[in-house]
Protein backbone atom coordinates (compact mmCIF):
# COMPACT_ATOMS: atom_id res chain seq x y z
CA MET A 1 -16.87 -59.03 -2.61
CA GLU A 2 -17.25 -55.86 -0.52
CA ARG A 3 -19.11 -53.99 -3.26
CA PHE A 4 -21.35 -56.99 -3.92
CA ILE A 5 -22.36 -57.24 -0.26
CA ASP A 6 -22.94 -53.47 -0.06
CA ASN A 7 -25.20 -53.70 -3.11
CA VAL A 8 -27.09 -56.72 -1.75
CA SER A 9 -27.67 -54.90 1.54
CA GLU A 10 -29.74 -52.32 -0.33
CA ILE A 11 -32.14 -54.94 -1.72
CA GLY A 12 -35.16 -55.59 0.47
CA ARG A 13 -35.33 -55.36 4.24
CA SER A 14 -32.13 -56.94 5.42
CA VAL A 15 -29.26 -56.66 7.89
CA ILE A 16 -25.92 -58.34 7.17
CA CYS A 17 -23.54 -59.06 10.07
CA VAL A 18 -19.91 -60.10 9.48
CA GLY A 19 -17.15 -61.08 11.91
CA SER A 20 -14.07 -58.85 11.90
CA GLY A 21 -11.74 -61.86 11.64
CA ASN A 22 -9.11 -63.30 13.97
CA GLU A 23 -5.94 -61.66 12.62
CA GLY A 24 -5.48 -58.92 15.25
CA ALA A 25 -2.59 -60.65 17.01
CA SER A 26 -1.20 -62.86 14.21
CA GLY A 27 1.58 -60.47 13.14
CA GLY A 28 0.46 -60.59 9.52
CA HIS A 29 0.13 -56.87 8.87
CA CYS A 30 2.52 -53.93 8.91
CA GLY A 31 1.58 -50.40 7.89
CA GLY A 32 2.72 -46.82 8.13
CA SER A 33 3.77 -43.84 6.04
CA VAL A 34 7.01 -42.81 4.37
CA GLY A 35 5.91 -39.17 4.48
CA VAL A 36 5.27 -36.70 1.68
CA VAL A 37 7.91 -36.00 -0.98
CA ASP A 38 7.71 -33.67 -3.99
CA SER A 39 10.30 -34.79 -6.51
CA ALA A 40 10.14 -31.41 -8.28
CA THR A 41 11.11 -29.37 -5.23
CA GLY A 42 13.04 -32.09 -3.42
CA ARG A 43 11.20 -31.59 -0.18
CA PRO A 44 13.02 -33.64 2.49
CA ASP A 45 9.86 -34.66 4.40
CA GLY A 46 9.93 -38.31 3.38
CA GLU A 47 12.20 -41.01 4.73
CA LYS A 48 13.29 -44.55 3.91
CA VAL A 49 11.39 -47.30 5.70
CA LEU A 50 12.65 -50.83 6.35
CA VAL A 51 9.92 -53.44 6.83
CA GLU A 52 11.35 -56.69 8.20
CA LEU A 53 9.65 -60.05 7.86
CA ILE A 54 10.55 -63.23 9.74
CA VAL A 55 10.04 -66.33 7.57
CA GLY A 56 9.85 -69.50 9.65
CA ASN A 57 11.35 -72.88 8.84
CA TYR A 58 9.72 -75.22 6.32
CA GLU A 59 7.61 -72.67 4.47
CA THR A 60 6.80 -74.19 1.07
CA GLY A 61 5.79 -70.77 -0.23
CA LEU A 62 4.64 -67.36 0.92
CA ASN A 63 2.94 -64.38 -0.66
CA VAL A 64 3.28 -60.79 0.51
CA GLN A 65 0.94 -58.00 -0.58
CA LEU A 66 2.00 -54.36 -0.59
CA TRP A 67 -0.82 -51.84 -1.01
CA LYS A 68 -0.18 -48.17 -1.74
CA ASP A 69 -1.81 -45.19 -3.42
CA TYR A 70 -1.34 -45.57 -7.16
CA VAL A 71 -0.10 -41.98 -7.50
CA ASP A 72 2.71 -42.54 -4.96
CA ARG A 73 6.08 -43.53 -6.36
CA TYR A 74 8.64 -45.53 -4.35
CA ARG A 75 11.93 -47.26 -4.91
CA ILE A 76 11.40 -50.73 -3.46
CA GLU A 77 14.26 -53.04 -2.62
CA VAL A 78 13.71 -56.68 -1.59
CA ILE A 79 16.48 -58.10 0.61
CA SER A 80 17.02 -61.79 1.44
CA PRO A 81 18.30 -63.12 4.81
CA THR A 82 21.93 -63.16 3.56
CA GLY A 83 21.75 -59.68 2.03
CA GLU A 84 21.08 -60.48 -1.62
CA SER A 85 18.65 -57.97 -3.11
CA PHE A 86 16.91 -56.56 -6.17
CA LEU A 87 15.14 -53.32 -7.02
CA VAL A 88 11.50 -53.39 -8.08
CA ASP A 89 10.55 -51.62 -11.30
CA THR A 90 7.14 -50.33 -10.16
CA ASN A 91 6.41 -48.84 -13.61
CA LYS A 92 6.57 -52.21 -15.36
CA VAL A 93 3.15 -53.83 -15.56
CA GLY A 94 2.88 -57.61 -15.35
CA LYS A 95 5.12 -60.31 -13.94
CA GLN A 96 8.79 -59.95 -13.07
CA THR A 97 10.94 -62.84 -11.85
CA PHE A 98 13.98 -62.73 -9.56
CA GLN A 99 16.01 -65.28 -7.62
CA LEU A 100 17.48 -64.60 -4.18
CA GLU A 101 19.43 -67.49 -2.65
CA GLN A 102 17.25 -70.60 -3.00
CA THR A 103 14.02 -68.64 -3.40
CA THR A 104 12.31 -67.49 -6.59
CA VAL A 105 10.42 -64.22 -6.20
CA LEU A 106 7.58 -63.60 -8.63
CA LEU A 107 6.54 -59.95 -8.65
CA TYR A 108 3.27 -58.56 -10.02
CA ASN A 109 2.61 -54.83 -10.33
CA GLY A 110 -1.10 -54.21 -10.10
CA GLU A 111 -3.16 -51.46 -11.68
CA PRO A 112 -6.05 -49.41 -10.32
CA ALA A 113 -9.48 -50.97 -10.83
CA PRO A 114 -12.80 -49.38 -11.86
CA TYR A 115 -13.72 -49.06 -8.18
CA LEU A 116 -10.24 -48.78 -6.65
CA THR A 117 -7.54 -46.11 -6.80
CA SER A 118 -5.01 -48.14 -4.82
CA GLN A 119 -2.26 -50.32 -6.27
CA GLU A 120 -1.28 -53.80 -5.15
CA ILE A 121 2.30 -54.99 -5.56
CA TYR A 122 2.27 -58.75 -5.08
CA PHE A 123 5.34 -60.80 -4.10
CA ASP A 124 5.15 -64.60 -4.42
CA LEU A 125 8.06 -66.45 -2.76
CA LEU A 126 8.59 -69.98 -4.08
CA PRO A 127 11.34 -72.62 -3.66
CA ALA A 128 13.89 -72.44 -6.48
CA GLY A 129 15.13 -75.50 -8.36
CA ASN A 130 14.89 -78.75 -6.40
CA ASN A 131 14.47 -77.03 -3.04
CA SER A 132 11.37 -77.85 -1.02
CA TYR A 133 11.26 -74.70 1.08
CA ILE A 134 11.93 -70.99 0.72
CA ASN A 135 14.80 -69.45 2.68
CA SER A 136 13.99 -68.92 6.34
CA GLY A 137 15.28 -65.94 8.32
CA VAL A 138 14.68 -62.21 8.18
CA TRP A 139 13.61 -60.80 4.83
CA ALA A 140 13.27 -57.05 4.34
CA PHE A 141 11.51 -54.57 2.09
CA ARG A 142 13.11 -51.13 1.88
CA LEU A 143 10.79 -48.33 0.72
CA GLU A 144 12.31 -45.06 -0.47
CA PRO A 145 9.84 -42.32 -1.45
CA VAL A 146 10.36 -40.65 -4.83
CA LYS A 147 7.15 -38.65 -5.07
CA THR A 148 4.31 -39.23 -2.61
CA ILE A 149 0.96 -37.63 -1.90
CA THR A 150 0.07 -39.60 1.23
CA GLY A 151 3.05 -41.95 1.61
CA ASN A 152 0.78 -44.60 3.14
CA TYR A 153 1.68 -48.26 2.76
CA THR A 154 0.29 -51.52 4.09
CA PHE A 155 1.85 -55.01 3.94
CA TYR A 156 -0.21 -58.17 4.38
CA LEU A 157 0.64 -61.85 4.78
CA PRO A 158 -1.81 -64.72 4.24
CA SER A 159 -4.12 -65.66 7.10
CA GLY A 160 -2.42 -66.98 10.22
CA VAL A 161 -4.07 -70.38 9.77
CA VAL A 162 -2.19 -71.09 6.53
CA ARG A 163 1.33 -70.05 7.55
CA SER A 164 3.79 -70.98 10.28
CA THR A 165 3.33 -69.24 13.62
CA GLN A 166 6.99 -68.20 13.25
CA THR A 167 6.27 -66.31 10.04
CA ARG A 168 5.32 -62.75 10.93
CA PHE A 169 6.45 -59.14 10.66
CA VAL A 170 9.14 -58.07 13.14
CA ARG A 171 7.18 -54.92 14.06
CA PRO A 172 3.57 -55.76 13.17
CA THR A 173 0.73 -53.25 13.13
CA PRO A 174 -2.40 -54.67 14.79
CA ASP A 175 -4.66 -52.01 13.23
CA VAL A 176 -6.18 -52.62 9.78
CA THR A 177 -6.46 -56.36 10.44
CA LEU A 178 -10.13 -56.67 9.49
CA THR A 179 -10.69 -59.55 7.09
CA ILE A 180 -12.78 -59.35 3.93
CA PRO A 181 -15.78 -59.03 3.76
CA SER A 182 -16.07 -57.36 7.18
CA THR A 183 -14.58 -54.27 5.49
CA ALA A 184 -17.79 -53.70 3.51
CA SER A 185 -19.19 -50.36 4.63
CA LYS A 186 -22.88 -51.32 4.93
CA VAL A 187 -22.52 -54.48 6.99
CA ILE A 188 -22.46 -54.59 10.78
CA THR A 189 -18.86 -55.55 11.53
CA VAL A 190 -18.57 -57.52 14.77
CA GLY A 191 -15.45 -57.90 16.89
CA ALA A 192 -14.99 -60.10 19.94
CA TYR A 193 -14.44 -59.46 23.64
CA GLN A 194 -13.84 -61.75 26.59
CA THR A 195 -16.70 -61.76 29.06
CA THR A 196 -14.69 -63.18 31.98
CA LEU A 197 -12.34 -60.19 32.06
CA GLU A 198 -14.76 -57.91 30.18
CA ALA A 199 -11.89 -56.94 27.90
CA TYR A 200 -11.09 -56.75 24.20
CA ALA A 201 -9.95 -60.10 22.75
CA ASP A 202 -6.54 -59.43 21.20
CA PHE A 203 -7.13 -61.76 18.23
CA SER A 204 -10.15 -59.76 17.09
CA GLY A 205 -9.62 -57.84 13.84
CA ARG A 206 -9.09 -54.11 14.30
CA GLY A 207 -10.19 -51.14 12.25
CA TYR A 208 -8.49 -48.74 9.89
CA LEU A 209 -5.11 -47.19 10.49
CA TYR A 210 -5.83 -44.27 8.15
CA GLN A 211 -9.24 -42.80 8.84
CA ASP A 212 -10.94 -39.78 7.35
CA ARG A 213 -11.47 -37.27 10.13
CA LEU A 214 -13.83 -34.34 10.17
CA GLY A 215 -13.14 -31.78 12.88
CA GLY A 216 -10.99 -34.26 14.78
CA ARG A 217 -13.68 -36.96 14.68
CA ILE A 218 -13.72 -40.15 12.61
CA GLU A 219 -16.04 -40.19 9.62
CA GLY A 220 -18.86 -42.62 10.50
CA SER A 221 -18.56 -44.79 7.41
CA PHE A 222 -14.94 -45.60 8.26
CA ILE A 223 -15.60 -46.89 11.79
CA LYS A 224 -14.93 -50.62 11.96
CA PRO A 225 -15.72 -52.75 13.84
CA ASP A 226 -19.15 -51.37 14.70
CA ILE A 227 -19.53 -53.24 17.99
CA VAL A 228 -18.17 -56.27 19.83
CA ALA A 229 -19.90 -59.30 21.34
CA PRO A 230 -18.77 -62.27 23.46
CA GLY A 231 -16.31 -64.33 21.43
CA VAL A 232 -14.14 -66.31 23.87
CA GLY A 233 -15.11 -69.70 25.27
CA ILE A 234 -18.60 -69.69 23.75
CA LEU A 235 -20.55 -72.92 24.29
CA ALA A 236 -21.76 -74.16 20.91
CA PRO A 237 -22.90 -77.45 19.32
CA ALA A 238 -20.03 -79.73 18.31
CA ARG A 239 -19.92 -81.47 14.94
CA GLU A 240 -19.63 -84.90 16.59
CA GLY A 241 -22.54 -84.20 18.95
CA GLY A 242 -22.76 -82.51 22.31
CA TYR A 243 -21.24 -79.11 22.97
CA GLU A 244 -17.81 -77.52 23.04
CA ALA A 245 -16.22 -74.18 23.96
CA VAL A 246 -15.28 -72.20 20.84
CA THR A 247 -13.49 -68.89 20.27
CA GLY A 248 -13.42 -66.35 17.46
CA THR A 249 -15.36 -63.51 15.89
CA SER A 250 -17.42 -66.09 13.98
CA PHE A 251 -18.99 -66.96 17.33
CA ALA A 252 -19.42 -63.33 18.39
CA THR A 253 -21.31 -62.46 15.21
CA PRO A 254 -24.40 -64.67 15.86
CA PHE A 255 -25.14 -62.69 19.03
CA VAL A 256 -25.41 -59.52 16.93
CA THR A 257 -27.34 -61.30 14.16
CA GLY A 258 -29.90 -62.44 16.71
CA ALA A 259 -30.11 -58.97 18.23
CA ALA A 260 -30.69 -57.46 14.78
CA ALA A 261 -33.45 -60.01 14.10
CA LEU A 262 -35.17 -59.13 17.38
CA LEU A 263 -35.00 -55.41 16.56
CA MET A 264 -36.52 -56.09 13.13
CA GLN A 265 -39.23 -58.24 14.72
CA TRP A 266 -40.08 -55.43 17.15
CA GLY A 267 -40.08 -52.86 14.38
CA ILE A 268 -41.41 -54.58 11.24
CA ILE A 269 -43.39 -57.62 12.43
CA GLU A 270 -44.92 -55.98 15.50
CA GLY A 271 -45.56 -52.74 13.64
CA ASN A 272 -43.50 -50.34 15.76
CA ASP A 273 -41.25 -49.21 12.90
CA ARG A 274 -41.70 -50.64 9.40
CA TYR A 275 -38.36 -49.13 8.33
CA LEU A 276 -36.21 -50.74 11.01
CA TYR A 277 -33.62 -52.48 8.84
CA GLY A 278 -30.26 -51.85 7.18
CA GLU A 279 -28.23 -48.90 8.42
CA LYS A 280 -31.00 -47.96 10.87
CA VAL A 281 -30.45 -51.19 12.82
CA LYS A 282 -26.72 -50.51 12.81
CA ALA A 283 -27.31 -47.00 14.19
CA TYR A 284 -29.50 -48.32 17.04
CA LEU A 285 -26.99 -51.06 17.95
CA ARG A 286 -24.15 -48.54 17.93
CA LYS A 287 -26.09 -46.15 20.16
CA GLY A 288 -27.02 -48.89 22.62
CA ALA A 289 -23.50 -50.34 22.89
CA THR A 290 -22.03 -50.31 26.40
CA PRO A 291 -18.45 -49.59 27.54
CA ILE A 292 -16.05 -52.42 28.31
CA ARG A 293 -13.07 -52.47 30.62
CA GLY A 294 -9.82 -50.93 29.39
CA GLU A 295 -11.40 -48.77 26.67
CA SER A 296 -11.66 -45.06 27.43
CA GLN A 297 -12.63 -43.54 24.08
CA TYR A 298 -15.44 -44.56 21.75
CA PRO A 299 -15.57 -45.37 18.95
CA ASN A 300 -12.13 -46.91 18.52
CA ALA A 301 -10.38 -49.36 16.21
CA ARG A 302 -10.61 -52.28 18.68
CA VAL A 303 -14.22 -52.35 19.85
CA GLY A 304 -16.00 -49.71 17.77
CA TYR A 305 -18.82 -48.22 19.84
CA GLY A 306 -18.57 -50.85 22.58
CA ALA A 307 -20.27 -54.10 23.60
CA LEU A 308 -23.62 -55.32 22.29
CA CYS A 309 -26.60 -54.44 24.48
CA LEU A 310 -29.97 -55.15 22.88
CA GLU A 311 -32.01 -53.67 25.73
CA ALA A 312 -30.29 -50.30 25.44
CA SER A 313 -30.59 -50.42 21.63
CA LEU A 314 -34.39 -50.48 21.56
CA PRO A 315 -35.56 -46.96 20.61
């Protein structure tokens, strides 16, 4: 999806704006690093990591995604609420099946793809036998590095709208909570802020935890979101007629879409700049973004370059 949108953005004179998603405060992501370990020399830099997951009552199923660098090797242990466990054979391709308590765990070891060097390890938790729900309580994933180059790992749960509000990681990581396809590099990724307090909206998807840095600065193509726009209590048409107050990055994005259209009108239609589209529009909107309260450094993973300001974005 990301590659498709990036490719489409290069066809014709276009600008594609995408909301960063509403998963920033849902507790559905946990990431970090186990450190670097060389199995040949036995370097003691790495350490075991325990990722704990609270599963709420009455979950009829749950999937957990673990993403890591394909070259990194871990021992992975899955532990149920009562302490039953199994070790994952990460070298075995395809499906593996385990049962812990009244829950069946289907495990899929992914492979790198033609455009992806990462590996996904997919856990699908399903009720076993005649049970209607998976076991509630605290589940855990223990990662022990065997040989790692980066040691980076990221866990994801399904979107917060399809799982219980009780189901979340014990120590969630709010960064890297952008939703696809806002992660496409050539779109304008739009987060949300609250205009009343002029502050970042905590539900708004945040940018990357692991960023390429050049000379202490973040590489431009990795900065997400690009900017933020009003996304809390926005008055919009209601499906049943009339108007209602709505919240989310889906309602912040149209502000930026409209701003991009006005820039393109000024440039292309009115003849001021026939090449004002694509990444050029993004650059102007980034440069014209204004600071918001509580953010001292720009760009950052919460608000990118700041709040949308069309007037300041006109070259």
